[in-house]
PDB file of N, CA and C in Angstrom:
ATOM      1  N   MET A   1     -28.758  27.900   4.002  1.00  0.00           N
ATOM      2  CA  MET A   1     -28.051  27.095   4.106  1.00  0.00           C
ATOM      3  C   MET A   1     -27.430  26.217   3.111  1.00  0.00           C
ATOM      4  N   ARG A   2     -26.434  26.368   2.296  1.00  0.00           N
ATOM      5  CA  ARG A   2     -25.776  25.086   1.210  1.00  0.00           C
ATOM      6  C   ARG A   2     -25.504  23.739   1.489  1.00  0.00           C
ATOM      7  N   LYS A   3     -25.798  22.984   0.804  1.00  0.00           N
ATOM      8  CA  LYS A   3     -25.383  21.404   0.600  1.00  0.00           C
ATOM      9  C   LYS A   3     -23.621  21.224   0.750  1.00  0.00           C
ATOM     10  N   VAL A   4     -23.226  21.921  -0.057  1.00  0.00           N
ATOM     11  CA  VAL A   4     -22.366  22.050  -0.475  1.00  0.00           C
ATOM     12  C   VAL A   4     -20.956  23.391  -0.140  1.00  0.00           C
ATOM     13  N   ARG A   5     -20.008  23.258   0.807  1.00  0.00           N
ATOM     14  CA  ARG A   5     -19.522  24.426   0.889  1.00  0.00           C
ATOM     15  C   ARG A   5     -17.733  24.337   0.997  1.00  0.00           C
ATOM     16  N   LYS A   6     -17.317  25.620   0.548  1.00  0.00           N
ATOM     17  CA  LYS A   6     -16.082  25.714   0.568  1.00  0.00           C
ATOM     18  C   LYS A   6     -15.098  24.641   1.436  1.00  0.00           C
ATOM     19  N   GLY A   7     -14.021  23.813   1.035  1.00  0.00           N
ATOM     20  CA  GLY A   7     -13.163  22.714   1.923  1.00  0.00           C
ATOM     21  C   GLY A   7     -13.853  21.642   1.832  1.00  0.00           C
ATOM     22  N   ASP A   8     -15.360  21.381   1.447  1.00  0.00           N
ATOM     23  CA  ASP A   8     -15.848  19.943   1.207  1.00  0.00           C
ATOM     24  C   ASP A   8     -15.322  19.616  -0.086  1.00  0.00           C
ATOM     25  N   LEU A   9     -15.025  18.022   0.367  1.00  0.00           N
ATOM     26  CA  LEU A   9     -14.315  16.919  -0.673  1.00  0.00           C
ATOM     27  C   LEU A   9     -15.573  16.532  -1.259  1.00  0.00           C
ATOM     28  N   VAL A  10     -15.905  16.167  -2.873  1.00  0.00           N
ATOM     29  CA  VAL A  10     -17.094  16.183  -3.628  1.00  0.00           C
ATOM     30  C   VAL A  10     -16.526  15.060  -4.802  1.00  0.00           C
ATOM     31  N   LYS A  11     -17.523  14.323  -5.067  1.00  0.00           N
ATOM     32  CA  LYS A  11     -16.870  13.426  -6.330  1.00  0.00           C
ATOM     33  C   LYS A  11     -18.131  14.022  -7.470  1.00  0.00           C
ATOM     34  N   VAL A  12     -17.517  14.088  -8.337  1.00  0.00           N
ATOM     35  CA  VAL A  12     -18.470  14.714 -10.101  1.00  0.00           C
ATOM     36  C   VAL A  12     -18.738  13.071 -10.306  1.00  0.00           C
ATOM     37  N   ILE A  13     -20.653  13.318 -10.531  1.00  0.00           N
ATOM     38  CA  ILE A  13     -20.700  12.212 -11.121  1.00  0.00           C
ATOM     39  C   ILE A  13     -21.506  12.421 -12.093  1.00  0.00           C
ATOM     40  N   ALA A  14     -21.211  13.461 -12.865  1.00  0.00           N
ATOM     41  CA  ALA A  14     -21.849  13.596 -14.566  1.00  0.00           C
ATOM     42  C   ALA A  14     -20.611  14.272 -15.199  1.00  0.00           C
ATOM     43  N   GLY A  15     -20.420  14.318 -16.337  1.00  0.00           N
ATOM     44  CA  GLY A  15     -19.704  15.640 -17.143  1.00  0.00           C
ATOM     45  C   GLY A  15     -18.392  14.594 -17.735  1.00  0.00           C
ATOM     46  N   ARG A  16     -17.673  15.358 -18.312  1.00  0.00           N
ATOM     47  CA  ARG A  16     -16.496  14.999 -19.173  1.00  0.00           C
ATOM     48  C   ARG A  16     -15.348  14.261 -17.560  1.00  0.00           C
ATOM     49  N   ASP A  17     -15.130  14.925 -16.352  1.00  0.00           N
ATOM     50  CA  ASP A  17     -14.829  14.740 -15.889  1.00  0.00           C
ATOM     51  C   ASP A  17     -15.293  13.583 -14.265  1.00  0.00           C
ATOM     52  N   ARG A  18     -15.929  12.941 -15.150  1.00  0.00           N
ATOM     53  CA  ARG A  18     -16.985  11.970 -14.089  1.00  0.00           C
ATOM     54  C   ARG A  18     -16.302  11.353 -13.389  1.00  0.00           C
ATOM     55  N   GLY A  19     -16.305  10.828 -12.112  1.00  0.00           N
ATOM     56  CA  GLY A  19     -15.217  10.060 -11.251  1.00  0.00           C
ATOM     57  C   GLY A  19     -13.846  10.900 -10.589  1.00  0.00           C
ATOM     58  N   LYS A  20     -13.892  11.894 -10.817  1.00  0.00           N
ATOM     59  CA  LYS A  20     -12.709  12.577 -10.142  1.00  0.00           C
ATOM     60  C   LYS A  20     -13.556  13.019  -8.578  1.00  0.00           C
ATOM     61  N   VAL A  21     -12.250  12.849  -7.652  1.00  0.00           N
ATOM     62  CA  VAL A  21     -12.754  13.558  -6.691  1.00  0.00           C
ATOM     63  C   VAL A  21     -11.935  15.011  -5.759  1.00  0.00           C
ATOM     64  N   GLY A  22     -12.329  15.620  -5.593  1.00  0.00           N
ATOM     65  CA  GLY A  22     -11.541  17.060  -5.298  1.00  0.00           C
ATOM     66  C   GLY A  22     -12.095  17.763  -4.485  1.00  0.00           C
ATOM     67  N   GLU A  23     -11.238  19.213  -3.554  1.00  0.00           N
ATOM     68  CA  GLU A  23     -12.139  19.925  -2.607  1.00  0.00           C
ATOM     69  C   GLU A  23     -12.480  20.867  -3.143  1.00  0.00           C
ATOM     70  N   VAL A  24     -13.398  21.372  -2.467  1.00  0.00           N
ATOM     71  CA  VAL A  24     -14.545  22.228  -3.340  1.00  0.00           C
ATOM     72  C   VAL A  24     -13.793  23.940  -3.079  1.00  0.00           C
ATOM     73  N   LEU A  25     -13.388  24.605  -3.826  1.00  0.00           N
ATOM     74  CA  LEU A  25     -12.229  25.919  -4.097  1.00  0.00           C
ATOM     75  C   LEU A  25     -13.613  27.083  -3.713  1.00  0.00           C
ATOM     76  N   ARG A  26     -14.208  27.155  -4.401  1.00  0.00           N
ATOM     77  CA  ARG A  26     -15.231  28.503  -3.996  1.00  0.00           C
ATOM     78  C   ARG A  26     -16.675  27.759  -4.449  1.00  0.00           C
ATOM     79  N   VAL A  27     -17.499  28.411  -3.592  1.00  0.00           N
ATOM     80  CA  VAL A  27     -18.902  28.314  -4.236  1.00  0.00           C
ATOM     81  C   VAL A  27     -19.509  29.523  -4.608  1.00  0.00           C
ATOM     82  N   PHE A  28     -20.402  29.205  -5.950  1.00  0.00           N
ATOM     83  CA  PHE A  28     -21.402  30.738  -6.513  1.00  0.00           C
ATOM     84  C   PHE A  28     -22.711  30.441  -6.065  1.00  0.00           C
ATOM     85  N   PRO A  29     -23.640  30.662  -4.828  1.00  0.00           N
ATOM     86  CA  PRO A  29     -24.675  30.393  -5.001  1.00  0.00           C
ATOM     87  C   PRO A  29     -25.621  30.524  -5.795  1.00  0.00           C
ATOM     88  N   ALA A  30     -25.198  32.253  -5.824  1.00  0.00           N
ATOM     89  CA  ALA A  30     -25.964  32.795  -6.638  1.00  0.00           C
ATOM     90  C   ALA A  30     -26.543  31.795  -8.532  1.00  0.00           C
ATOM     91  N   GLU A  31     -25.712  31.267  -8.737  1.00  0.00           N
ATOM     92  CA  GLU A  31     -25.388  30.753  -9.632  1.00  0.00           C
ATOM     93  C   GLU A  31     -25.610  29.056  -9.995  1.00  0.00           C
ATOM     94  N   ASP A  32     -25.625  28.724  -8.697  1.00  0.00           N
ATOM     95  CA  ASP A  32     -25.929  26.924  -8.237  1.00  0.00           C
ATOM     96  C   ASP A  32     -24.427  26.504  -8.837  1.00  0.00           C
ATOM     97  N   ARG A  33     -23.557  27.097  -8.854  1.00  0.00           N
ATOM     98  CA  ARG A  33     -21.595  26.767  -9.228  1.00  0.00           C
ATOM     99  C   ARG A  33     -21.251  26.452  -8.222  1.00  0.00           C
ATOM    100  N   ILE A  34     -20.209  25.844  -8.411  1.00  0.00           N
ATOM    101  CA  ILE A  34     -18.911  25.528  -7.760  1.00  0.00           C
ATOM    102  C   ILE A  34     -17.693  25.661  -8.377  1.00  0.00           C
ATOM    103  N   MET A  35     -16.646  25.412  -8.115  1.00  0.00           N
ATOM    104  CA  MET A  35     -15.178  25.533  -8.468  1.00  0.00           C
ATOM    105  C   MET A  35     -14.525  24.007  -7.703  1.00  0.00           C
ATOM    106  N   VAL A  36     -14.258  23.200  -8.277  1.00  0.00           N
ATOM    107  CA  VAL A  36     -13.774  22.248  -7.724  1.00  0.00           C
ATOM    108  C   VAL A  36     -12.384  21.891  -8.219  1.00  0.00           C
ATOM    109  N   LYS A  37     -11.021  21.626  -7.127  1.00  0.00           N
ATOM    110  CA  LYS A  37      -9.647  21.558  -7.436  1.00  0.00           C
ATOM    111  C   LYS A  37      -9.023  20.098  -8.515  1.00  0.00           C
ATOM    112  N   GLY A  38      -8.944  20.702  -9.340  1.00  0.00           N
ATOM    113  CA  GLY A  38      -8.283  19.603 -10.824  1.00  0.00           C
ATOM    114  C   GLY A  38      -9.802  19.451 -11.442  1.00  0.00           C
ATOM    115  N   VAL A  39     -10.779  19.853 -11.468  1.00  0.00           N
ATOM    116  CA  VAL A  39     -11.686  19.500 -12.057  1.00  0.00           C
ATOM    117  C   VAL A  39     -12.139  20.616 -13.137  1.00  0.00           C
ATOM    118  N   HIS A  40     -12.465  20.061 -14.377  1.00  0.00           N
ATOM    119  CA  HIS A  40     -13.404  21.110 -15.123  1.00  0.00           C
ATOM    120  C   HIS A  40     -11.934  22.286 -15.597  1.00  0.00           C
ATOM    121  N   MET A  41     -10.619  21.638 -15.924  1.00  0.00           N
ATOM    122  CA  MET A  41      -9.682  22.528 -16.697  1.00  0.00           C
ATOM    123  C   MET A  41     -10.005  23.642 -17.823  1.00  0.00           C
ATOM    124  N   VAL A  42     -10.118  24.652 -17.752  1.00  0.00           N
ATOM    125  CA  VAL A  42      -9.964  25.309 -19.049  1.00  0.00           C
ATOM    126  C   VAL A  42      -9.314  26.434 -18.941  1.00  0.00           C
ATOM    127  N   LYS A  43      -8.765  26.566 -20.195  1.00  0.00           N
ATOM    128  CA  LYS A  43      -7.512  27.220 -20.546  1.00  0.00           C
ATOM    129  C   LYS A  43      -7.972  28.623 -21.151  1.00  0.00           C
ATOM    130  N   ARG A  44      -7.390  29.560 -20.501  1.00  0.00           N
ATOM    131  CA  ARG A  44      -7.731  31.344 -20.470  1.00  0.00           C
ATOM    132  C   ARG A  44      -6.529  31.651 -21.143  1.00  0.00           C
ATOM    133  N   HIS A  45      -6.604  32.678 -22.093  1.00  0.00           N
ATOM    134  CA  HIS A  45      -6.012  33.557 -22.509  1.00  0.00           C
ATOM    135  C   HIS A  45      -5.258  34.548 -21.341  1.00  0.00           C
ATOM    136  N   GLN A  46      -3.946  34.881 -21.430  1.00  0.00           N
ATOM    137  CA  GLN A  46      -3.794  35.983 -20.122  1.00  0.00           C
ATOM    138  C   GLN A  46      -3.151  37.142 -20.657  1.00  0.00           C
ATOM    139  N   ARG A  47      -3.036  38.105 -20.725  1.00  0.00           N
ATOM    140  CA  ARG A  47      -2.320  39.460 -20.491  1.00  0.00           C
ATOM    141  C   ARG A  47      -1.332  39.673 -19.858  1.00  0.00           C
ATOM    142  N   PRO A  48      -0.273  39.889 -19.957  1.00  0.00           N
ATOM    143  CA  PRO A  48       1.330  40.582 -19.017  1.00  0.00           C
ATOM    144  C   PRO A  48       0.341  41.710 -18.152  1.00  0.00           C
ATOM    145  N   THR A  49       0.287  41.791 -17.163  1.00  0.00           N
ATOM    146  CA  THR A  49      -0.321  42.937 -16.096  1.00  0.00           C
ATOM    147  C   THR A  49       0.825  43.074 -14.991  1.00  0.00           C
ATOM    148  N   ALA A  50       0.706  43.939 -14.157  1.00  0.00           N
ATOM    149  CA  ALA A  50       1.451  43.879 -12.829  1.00  0.00           C
ATOM    150  C   ALA A  50       1.701  43.477 -12.027  1.00  0.00           C
ATOM    151  N   ARG A  51       0.547  42.532 -12.189  1.00  0.00           N
ATOM    152  CA  ARG A  51       0.329  41.042 -11.134  1.00  0.00           C
ATOM    153  C   ARG A  51       1.018  40.110 -11.958  1.00  0.00           C
ATOM    154  N   GLN A  52       0.518  39.981 -12.816  1.00  0.00           N
ATOM    155  CA  GLN A  52       1.097  38.629 -13.610  1.00  0.00           C
ATOM    156  C   GLN A  52       2.049  39.088 -14.739  1.00  0.00           C
ATOM    157  N   ARG A  53       3.163  39.171 -14.210  1.00  0.00           N
ATOM    158  CA  ARG A  53       4.839  39.194 -15.269  1.00  0.00           C
ATOM    159  C   ARG A  53       4.368  38.880 -16.460  1.00  0.00           C
ATOM    160  N   GLU A  54       4.009  37.251 -16.720  1.00  0.00           N
ATOM    161  CA  GLU A  54       4.281  36.419 -17.617  1.00  0.00           C
ATOM    162  C   GLU A  54       2.911  36.413 -18.333  1.00  0.00           C
ATOM    163  N   GLY A  55       2.563  36.497 -19.856  1.00  0.00           N
ATOM    164  CA  GLY A  55       1.323  36.631 -20.444  1.00  0.00           C
ATOM    165  C   GLY A  55       0.969  34.793 -21.111  1.00  0.00           C
ATOM    166  N   GLY A  56      -0.151  34.594 -21.670  1.00  0.00           N
ATOM    167  CA  GLY A  56       0.132  33.371 -22.636  1.00  0.00           C
ATOM    168  C   GLY A  56      -1.230  32.640 -22.077  1.00  0.00           C
ATOM    169  N   ILE A  57      -1.412  31.304 -22.384  1.00  0.00           N
ATOM    170  CA  ILE A  57      -2.671  30.531 -22.393  1.00  0.00           C
ATOM    171  C   ILE A  57      -2.364  30.043 -20.548  1.00  0.00           C
ATOM    172  N   ILE A  58      -3.207  30.309 -19.673  1.00  0.00           N
ATOM    173  CA  ILE A  58      -3.271  29.975 -18.305  1.00  0.00           C
ATOM    174  C   ILE A  58      -4.335  28.431 -17.986  1.00  0.00           C
ATOM    175  N   GLU A  59      -4.290  27.344 -17.211  1.00  0.00           N
ATOM    176  CA  GLU A  59      -5.189  26.441 -17.167  1.00  0.00           C
ATOM    177  C   GLU A  59      -5.698  26.333 -15.947  1.00  0.00           C
ATOM    178  N   GLN A  60      -6.802  26.820 -15.903  1.00  0.00           N
ATOM    179  CA  GLN A  60      -7.657  26.941 -13.985  1.00  0.00           C
ATOM    180  C   GLN A  60      -8.762  26.046 -14.066  1.00  0.00           C
ATOM    181  N   GLU A  61      -8.976  26.360 -13.316  1.00  0.00           N
ATOM    182  CA  GLU A  61     -10.073  25.618 -12.836  1.00  0.00           C
ATOM    183  C   GLU A  61     -11.907  26.528 -13.042  1.00  0.00           C
ATOM    184  N   GLY A  62     -12.495  25.594 -14.008  1.00  0.00           N
ATOM    185  CA  GLY A  62     -14.007  26.305 -14.446  1.00  0.00           C
ATOM    186  C   GLY A  62     -14.815  26.149 -13.242  1.00  0.00           C
ATOM    187  N   LYS A  63     -16.052  26.837 -13.560  1.00  0.00           N
ATOM    188  CA  LYS A  63     -17.523  26.443 -12.773  1.00  0.00           C
ATOM    189  C   LYS A  63     -18.031  25.178 -13.130  1.00  0.00           C
ATOM    190  N   ILE A  64     -18.853  24.310 -12.325  1.00  0.00           N
ATOM    191  CA  ILE A  64     -19.314  23.264 -12.534  1.00  0.00           C
ATOM    192  C   ILE A  64     -20.837  23.317 -11.592  1.00  0.00           C
ATOM    193  N   HIS A  65     -21.757  22.924 -12.338  1.00  0.00           N
ATOM    194  CA  HIS A  65     -22.750  22.751 -11.924  1.00  0.00           C
ATOM    195  C   HIS A  65     -23.334  21.777 -10.491  1.00  0.00           C
ATOM    196  N   LEU A  66     -24.365  22.340  -9.762  1.00  0.00           N
ATOM    197  CA  LEU A  66     -23.859  21.774  -8.530  1.00  0.00           C
ATOM    198  C   LEU A  66     -24.387  20.388  -7.976  1.00  0.00           C
ATOM    199  N   SER A  67     -25.300  20.153  -8.932  1.00  0.00           N
ATOM    200  CA  SER A  67     -26.116  18.955  -9.843  1.00  0.00           C
ATOM    201  C   SER A  67     -25.000  18.116 -10.239  1.00  0.00           C
ATOM    202  N   ASN A  68     -24.158  17.648 -10.372  1.00  0.00           N
ATOM    203  CA  ASN A  68     -23.276  17.423 -11.190  1.00  0.00           C
ATOM    204  C   ASN A  68     -22.361  16.814 -10.011  1.00  0.00           C
ATOM    205  N   VAL A  69     -22.374  16.938  -8.491  1.00  0.00           N
ATOM    206  CA  VAL A  69     -21.218  16.467  -7.952  1.00  0.00           C
ATOM    207  C   VAL A  69     -22.470  15.908  -6.974  1.00  0.00           C
ATOM    208  N   LEU A  70     -21.730  15.046  -6.087  1.00  0.00           N
ATOM    209  CA  LEU A  70     -22.607  14.316  -4.722  1.00  0.00           C
ATOM    210  C   LEU A  70     -21.036  15.083  -3.381  1.00  0.00           C
ATOM    211  N   LEU A  71     -21.754  15.311  -2.451  1.00  0.00           N
ATOM    212  CA  LEU A  71     -20.728  15.354  -1.112  1.00  0.00           C
ATOM    213  C   LEU A  71     -20.348  13.993  -0.697  1.00  0.00           C
ATOM    214  N   ILE A  72     -19.264  13.615   0.103  1.00  0.00           N
ATOM    215  CA  ILE A  72     -18.556  12.636   0.168  1.00  0.00           C
ATOM    216  C   ILE A  72     -18.151  13.032   1.791  1.00  0.00           C
ATOM    217  N   CYS A  73     -19.188  12.136   2.304  1.00  0.00           N
ATOM    218  CA  CYS A  73     -19.262  12.157   4.179  1.00  0.00           C
ATOM    219  C   CYS A  73     -18.222  11.777   4.897  1.00  0.00           C
ATOM    220  N   PRO A  74     -17.517  12.721   5.982  1.00  0.00           N
ATOM    221  CA  PRO A  74     -16.458  13.108   6.278  1.00  0.00           C
ATOM    222  C   PRO A  74     -16.896  11.380   7.373  1.00  0.00           C
ATOM    223  N   GLU A  75     -17.320  11.030   7.350  1.00  0.00           N
ATOM    224  CA  GLU A  75     -17.530  10.141   8.455  1.00  0.00           C
ATOM    225  C   GLU A  75     -17.410   8.751   8.224  1.00  0.00           C
ATOM    226  N   CYS A  76     -18.314   8.665   6.758  1.00  0.00           N
ATOM    227  CA  CYS A  76     -18.445   6.984   6.141  1.00  0.00           C
ATOM    228  C   CYS A  76     -17.307   7.319   4.845  1.00  0.00           C
ATOM    229  N   ASP A  77     -17.343   8.104   4.328  1.00  0.00           N
ATOM    230  CA  ASP A  77     -15.835   8.529   3.572  1.00  0.00           C
ATOM    231  C   ASP A  77     -16.811   7.909   1.745  1.00  0.00           C
ATOM    232  N   THR A  78     -18.174   8.248   1.610  1.00  0.00           N
ATOM    233  CA  THR A  78     -18.586   7.416   0.569  1.00  0.00           C
ATOM    234  C   THR A  78     -19.904   8.998   0.389  1.00  0.00           C
ATOM    235  N   PRO A  79     -19.624   8.479  -0.945  1.00  0.00           N
ATOM    236  CA  PRO A  79     -20.885   9.794  -1.643  1.00  0.00           C
ATOM    237  C   PRO A  79     -21.660   9.666  -1.749  1.00  0.00           C
ATOM    238  N   THR A  80     -22.402  10.717  -1.043  1.00  0.00           N
ATOM    239  CA  THR A  80     -24.105  10.509  -0.406  1.00  0.00           C
ATOM    240  C   THR A  80     -24.952  12.004  -0.544  1.00  0.00           C
ATOM    241  N   ARG A  81     -25.989  12.227  -1.074  1.00  0.00           N
ATOM    242  CA  ARG A  81     -26.820  12.805  -0.885  1.00  0.00           C
ATOM    243  C   ARG A  81     -26.686  13.899   0.351  1.00  0.00           C
ATOM    244  N   VAL A  82     -27.209  14.938   0.923  1.00  0.00           N
ATOM    245  CA  VAL A  82     -27.050  15.446   1.778  1.00  0.00           C
ATOM    246  C   VAL A  82     -28.795  15.896   2.494  1.00  0.00           C
ATOM    247  N   GLY A  83     -28.705  16.019   3.389  1.00  0.00           N
ATOM    248  CA  GLY A  83     -30.131  16.107   4.213  1.00  0.00           C
ATOM    249  C   GLY A  83     -29.758  17.317   5.014  1.00  0.00           C
ATOM    250  N   PHE A  84     -30.511  17.537   5.688  1.00  0.00           N
ATOM    251  CA  PHE A  84     -30.436  18.722   7.303  1.00  0.00           C
ATOM    252  C   PHE A  84     -31.313  18.280   8.150  1.00  0.00           C
ATOM    253  N   ALA A  85     -30.381  18.703   9.549  1.00  0.00           N
ATOM    254  CA  ALA A  85     -31.304  17.806  10.821  1.00  0.00           C
ATOM    255  C   ALA A  85     -30.918  19.157  12.058  1.00  0.00           C
ATOM    256  N   LEU A  86     -31.876  19.571  12.896  1.00  0.00           N
ATOM    257  CA  LEU A  86     -31.539  20.268  13.651  1.00  0.00           C
ATOM    258  C   LEU A  86     -30.879  19.795  14.852  1.00  0.00           C
ATOM    259  N   SER A  87     -29.895  20.219  15.863  1.00  0.00           N
ATOM    260  CA  SER A  87     -29.442  19.617  16.294  1.00  0.00           C
ATOM    261  C   SER A  87     -29.964  20.673  17.957  1.00  0.00           C
ATOM    262  N   PRO A  88     -30.123  19.864  19.094  1.00  0.00           N
ATOM    263  CA  PRO A  88     -30.491  20.055  20.592  1.00  0.00           C
ATOM    264  C   PRO A  88     -30.396  21.928  20.654  1.00  0.00           C
ATOM    265  N   GLU A  89     -29.420  22.494  20.030  1.00  0.00           N
ATOM    266  CA  GLU A  89     -29.355  23.824  20.361  1.00  0.00           C
ATOM    267  C   GLU A  89     -30.352  24.436  19.368  1.00  0.00           C
ATOM    268  N   GLY A  90     -30.626  24.033  18.215  1.00  0.00           N
ATOM    269  CA  GLY A  90     -31.568  24.551  17.591  1.00  0.00           C
ATOM    270  C   GLY A  90     -30.575  25.068  16.412  1.00  0.00           C
ATOM    271  N   GLU A  91     -29.465  24.441  16.129  1.00  0.00           N
ATOM    272  CA  GLU A  91     -28.705  25.030  15.059  1.00  0.00           C
ATOM    273  C   GLU A  91     -28.757  23.802  13.970  1.00  0.00           C
ATOM    274  N   LYS A  92     -28.687  24.467  12.819  1.00  0.00           N
ATOM    275  CA  LYS A  92     -29.295  23.703  11.453  1.00  0.00           C
ATOM    276  C   LYS A  92     -28.098  23.166  11.313  1.00  0.00           C
ATOM    277  N   LEU A  93     -27.643  21.686  10.960  1.00  0.00           N
ATOM    278  CA  LEU A  93     -26.788  20.581  10.895  1.00  0.00           C
ATOM    279  C   LEU A  93     -26.912  19.920   9.149  1.00  0.00           C
ATOM    280  N   ARG A  94     -26.007  19.667   8.807  1.00  0.00           N
ATOM    281  CA  ARG A  94     -26.279  18.647   7.637  1.00  0.00           C
ATOM    282  C   ARG A  94     -25.917  16.989   7.699  1.00  0.00           C
ATOM    283  N   LYS A  95     -26.879  16.334   6.941  1.00  0.00           N
ATOM    284  CA  LYS A  95     -27.003  14.736   7.103  1.00  0.00           C
ATOM    285  C   LYS A  95     -26.443  14.201   6.614  1.00  0.00           C
ATOM    286  N   CYS A  96     -25.690  12.863   6.635  1.00  0.00           N
ATOM    287  CA  CYS A  96     -25.286  12.485   5.532  1.00  0.00           C
ATOM    288  C   CYS A  96     -26.693  11.214   5.479  1.00  0.00           C
ATOM    289  N   LYS A  97     -27.365  11.115   4.288  1.00  0.00           N
ATOM    290  CA  LYS A  97     -27.970  10.150   3.821  1.00  0.00           C
ATOM    291  C   LYS A  97     -27.863   8.465   3.976  1.00  0.00           C
ATOM    292  N   GLN A  98     -26.751   8.540   3.695  1.00  0.00           N
ATOM    293  CA  GLN A  98     -26.327   6.835   3.941  1.00  0.00           C
ATOM    294  C   GLN A  98     -26.105   6.526   5.394  1.00  0.00           C
ATOM    295  N   CYS A  99     -24.893   6.972   6.323  1.00  0.00           N
ATOM    296  CA  CYS A  99     -24.809   6.606   7.295  1.00  0.00           C
ATOM    297  C   CYS A  99     -25.873   7.498   8.838  1.00  0.00           C
ATOM    298  N   GLY A 100     -26.600   8.386   7.949  1.00  0.00           N
ATOM    299  CA  GLY A 100     -27.297   9.551   9.103  1.00  0.00           C
ATOM    300  C   GLY A 100     -26.752   9.787  10.325  1.00  0.00           C
ATOM    301  N   ARG A 101     -25.399   9.589   9.881  1.00  0.00           N
ATOM    302  CA  ARG A 101     -24.557  11.167  10.662  1.00  0.00           C
ATOM    303  C   ARG A 101     -24.791  12.328  10.212  1.00  0.00           C
ATOM    304  N   THR A 102     -24.874  13.297  11.284  1.00  0.00           N
ATOM    305  CA  THR A 102     -24.621  14.888  11.089  1.00  0.00           C
ATOM    306  C   THR A 102     -22.944  15.565  11.390  1.00  0.00           C
ATOM    307  N   PHE A 103     -23.041  16.352  10.209  1.00  0.00           N
ATOM    308  CA  PHE A 103     -21.508  17.292  10.152  1.00  0.00           C
ATOM    309  C   PHE A 103     -22.420  19.107  10.038  1.00  0.00           C
ATOM    310  N   PRO A 104     -20.859  19.652  10.550  1.00  0.00           N
ATOM    311  CA  PRO A 104     -21.288  21.279  10.550  1.00  0.00           C
ATOM    312  C   PRO A 104     -21.061  21.549   8.956  1.00  0.00           C
TER     313      PRO A 104
END
């Protein structure tokens, strides 16, 4: 189970985009990296293709390391570290270290 999942809201705590908040677009578990909407914008030179009629320089999100972000707790709305807890049914849930509440 991962601490950060697609769709989560995260805050960047290190790097040139420090302080920005965005939604996780993709998770790359093998690399311990994520893609966050509007964070670490990189320029990519794109050739025209059948799918992409127009070529040129395209700006898109780049990958950032998981250690450079903190999950924003949906309950207390603060950036927090993530712990794990077991539900009564035996399901593993993520837990906010600030307020102690669990969330899926």
